[in-house]
């Protein structure tokens, strides 16, 4: 008698109402498990058609594996494609932010938080995570939300007062500062390579900021006044440090807190902080232009889409290649700045971008190789 996968005993649910565990795969050969027969085809010597164990006792028409069907292979490079798509969506959102007029960066951040909350709330309800999290982790979640939302506000401000490519490049120093902060607070290893990458990142930021005491009083290729350029640079650096601190906190929390709950704190605390700041600054107002209102909605949707595709990329691909491919954000920023903002980047900016990209890519490659080495050691 030829049985379906799992045999006769697997056709019915196990005790307690749970389904039996299915083996991950099978091999052909003597004694191999055979697939379910097609409708009307009876096995030799069988009095009744057997049900397929992998489909909870359902017969062939509803079975997950029809005769001769092969398991669909994963699409190679799909995770990297998701990363590029995420970088493109984030870059377009930044471009729309540059196009908005008379709307404060804090107000844009508040709209972004509203979209985040609308997305995360159904997930919290579905996964039954609650809204506060474990008691011992709430203080970490609070600082994660506070620092994350602060990083967003500062980054949006930097986008508004300095060239798009300059602000984007500075944000990519985050992996380098993350390694430094993890060494200080989490006692993680910090090698000479990490120090070299940090120096590369700092050099890139200096080339972009171009302080007068190093480059003279005449600074060319900036947007608006040098005072605004300097403020934007400081805001971008502070945003990067806040973002790096957020990652360190998430490492400290680990997997004990659901991903949705972390975003929930980020959105709620960010929205509360933005509303308070808007009333203090007396900057709360709806945009008068209909185009700006559309841009606000698109910034929220594109930012949300960028996060979704980045999450999907990390689910399908290792963190190292994803971190390297994320540098495409810099390329998109340069292209969009030239095409839609009519602002040609200077050679100083290009040199700074190369330093920062080399620094962040080197940090990502080292982390990736270290994780692969640790995984092989566990296997041994």
Foldseek 3Di string as FASTA:
>chain_A
DAAAAPGQVLLAADPPRHHDDHDPDWDDDPPTHDHFDDPPDDDPPDPDGFAHNVQNNDHAVSDPDHPPDDDDDDDPPLLLVLLLLLLLLLLVLLVLLQVFPLAALLVLLLLLLVLLCVVLVVVCVVVVQDQQHDPVLNVLLLLLQVLLLLLSSLLSLLSHLKALLLLVLLLLLLLLLLLVVCCVPVVDDQDVLSVVLNVLLVLLLCLSLVDCVVNNDDDDQIDDDNVSNNSSSVSSNSSSNSVSVSVSSCVVCDPSHDPSSSSSSNSVSSNVVSVVVCVVVVSDDDDPDPSSVVSSVSSSVSNVSSVVSNVVSVVVDPPLSSQLSNLVSSVSSQVCCCPPVVRHGDVSNVSSSVSSSVSSNSSSVVVVVVVVVVVVVVVD
